[in-house]
N, C-alpha and C. Protein backbone atom coordinates (compact mmCIF):
# COMPACT_ATOMS: atom_id res chain seq x y z
N UNK A 1 5.78 -0.67 29.14
CA UNK A 1 6.80 -1.16 28.16
C UNK A 1 7.95 -0.98 27.81
N UNK A 2 7.97 0.89 28.50
CA UNK A 2 9.18 1.85 28.20
C UNK A 2 10.60 1.43 28.52
N UNK A 3 11.29 0.78 27.39
CA UNK A 3 12.51 0.46 27.36
C UNK A 3 12.84 -0.46 26.92
N UNK A 4 12.00 -1.15 26.75
CA UNK A 4 12.03 -3.05 25.74
C UNK A 4 13.10 -2.82 24.99
N UNK A 5 13.15 -4.42 24.15
CA UNK A 5 13.52 -3.58 22.73
C UNK A 5 11.85 -3.79 21.80
N UNK A 6 12.33 -4.01 20.53
CA UNK A 6 11.38 -4.87 19.40
C UNK A 6 11.37 -5.26 18.66
N UNK A 7 10.98 -6.75 19.12
CA UNK A 7 11.95 -8.14 18.09
C UNK A 7 12.13 -8.20 16.81
N UNK A 8 13.13 -8.75 15.96
CA UNK A 8 12.60 -8.51 15.27
C UNK A 8 11.42 -8.73 13.92
N UNK A 9 10.46 -9.19 14.56
CA UNK A 9 9.26 -9.95 13.52
C UNK A 9 8.47 -8.98 14.23
N UNK A 10 8.42 -8.15 14.28
CA UNK A 10 8.05 -6.07 14.69
C UNK A 10 8.35 -5.35 13.78
N UNK A 11 7.41 -4.64 13.55
CA UNK A 11 7.57 -3.04 12.38
C UNK A 11 7.80 -2.47 13.27
N UNK A 12 8.12 -0.83 12.61
CA UNK A 12 7.68 0.48 13.64
C UNK A 12 7.52 1.11 12.37
N UNK A 13 6.57 2.24 12.57
CA UNK A 13 6.36 2.70 11.66
C UNK A 13 6.01 4.25 11.56
N UNK A 14 6.57 5.11 11.21
CA UNK A 14 5.90 7.11 11.80
C UNK A 14 5.91 7.61 10.70
N UNK A 15 5.42 8.00 10.33
CA UNK A 15 6.14 9.00 8.92
C UNK A 15 6.63 10.42 9.22
N UNK A 16 8.03 10.63 8.73
CA UNK A 16 9.06 11.55 8.86
C UNK A 16 9.04 12.54 7.23
N UNK A 17 9.05 13.53 8.20
CA UNK A 17 8.81 14.76 7.40
C UNK A 17 10.71 14.54 6.68
N UNK A 18 10.87 14.84 5.54
CA UNK A 18 11.50 14.66 4.68
C UNK A 18 12.54 15.71 5.78
N UNK A 19 12.38 17.01 6.48
CA UNK A 19 13.86 17.79 7.49
C UNK A 19 13.89 16.84 8.00
N UNK A 20 13.04 15.68 8.50
CA UNK A 20 13.87 14.44 9.88
C UNK A 20 14.71 13.51 8.98
N UNK A 21 15.02 13.59 8.07
CA UNK A 21 15.88 12.56 7.37
C UNK A 21 16.97 13.16 6.82
N UNK A 22 17.78 12.54 7.49
CA UNK A 22 19.25 12.79 7.13
C UNK A 22 20.02 12.40 6.39
N UNK A 23 21.09 12.99 6.28
CA UNK A 23 22.33 12.64 4.61
C UNK A 23 21.95 10.89 4.36
N UNK A 24 22.32 10.38 5.08
CA UNK A 24 22.22 8.79 4.81
C UNK A 24 21.04 7.99 4.43
N UNK A 25 19.69 9.05 4.99
CA UNK A 25 18.12 8.13 4.74
C UNK A 25 17.27 8.22 5.21
N UNK A 26 18.12 8.12 6.58
CA UNK A 26 17.83 6.72 8.11
C UNK A 26 17.06 8.62 9.15
N UNK A 27 16.48 8.31 9.46
CA UNK A 27 15.59 9.39 9.93
C UNK A 27 16.68 10.02 11.86
N UNK A 28 16.61 11.26 11.73
CA UNK A 28 17.33 11.60 12.85
C UNK A 28 16.16 10.87 14.07
N UNK A 29 16.73 11.64 15.20
CA UNK A 29 15.98 11.53 16.42
C UNK A 29 15.13 12.06 16.60
N UNK A 30 15.04 13.50 16.42
CA UNK A 30 14.01 14.57 16.03
C UNK A 30 12.34 13.92 15.51
N UNK A 31 13.18 12.68 14.74
CA UNK A 31 11.65 12.53 13.86
C UNK A 31 10.12 11.81 14.99
N UNK A 32 11.84 11.24 16.03
CA UNK A 32 10.94 10.29 17.46
C UNK A 32 9.71 11.53 18.18
N UNK A 33 10.58 12.61 18.44
CA UNK A 33 9.70 13.35 19.51
C UNK A 33 8.67 13.96 19.56
N UNK A 34 7.92 13.29 20.91
CA UNK A 34 6.56 13.97 21.12
C UNK A 34 5.91 14.68 20.01
N UNK A 35 5.48 15.12 19.31
CA UNK A 35 4.51 16.24 19.12
C UNK A 35 3.24 16.60 20.28
N UNK A 36 3.53 18.35 19.87
CA UNK A 36 2.28 18.84 20.76
C UNK A 36 0.61 18.50 20.92
N UNK A 37 0.37 17.10 20.14
CA UNK A 37 -0.73 17.25 20.11
C UNK A 37 -0.38 16.12 20.43
N UNK A 38 0.44 14.55 21.43
CA UNK A 38 1.14 13.46 21.14
C UNK A 38 0.91 13.29 23.23
N UNK A 39 0.42 12.41 23.82
CA UNK A 39 1.26 12.61 25.06
C UNK A 39 2.02 10.85 24.49
N UNK A 40 2.56 10.35 23.48
CA UNK A 40 3.41 9.53 24.13
C UNK A 40 2.54 9.10 21.75
N UNK A 41 4.35 8.30 21.30
CA UNK A 41 4.50 8.13 19.89
C UNK A 41 3.18 6.53 19.92
N UNK A 42 2.65 6.59 19.30
CA UNK A 42 1.59 5.19 18.85
C UNK A 42 1.83 4.11 17.81
């Protein structure tokens, strides 16, 4: 599934720490990096 587009009928959710949110209120790319304990994003 890597590299496939997510259709408009789907939603993606991941908790983002306030430090991972940019000035415009959108998540920064760091919010989607793997955590030390993760093998993949869930």
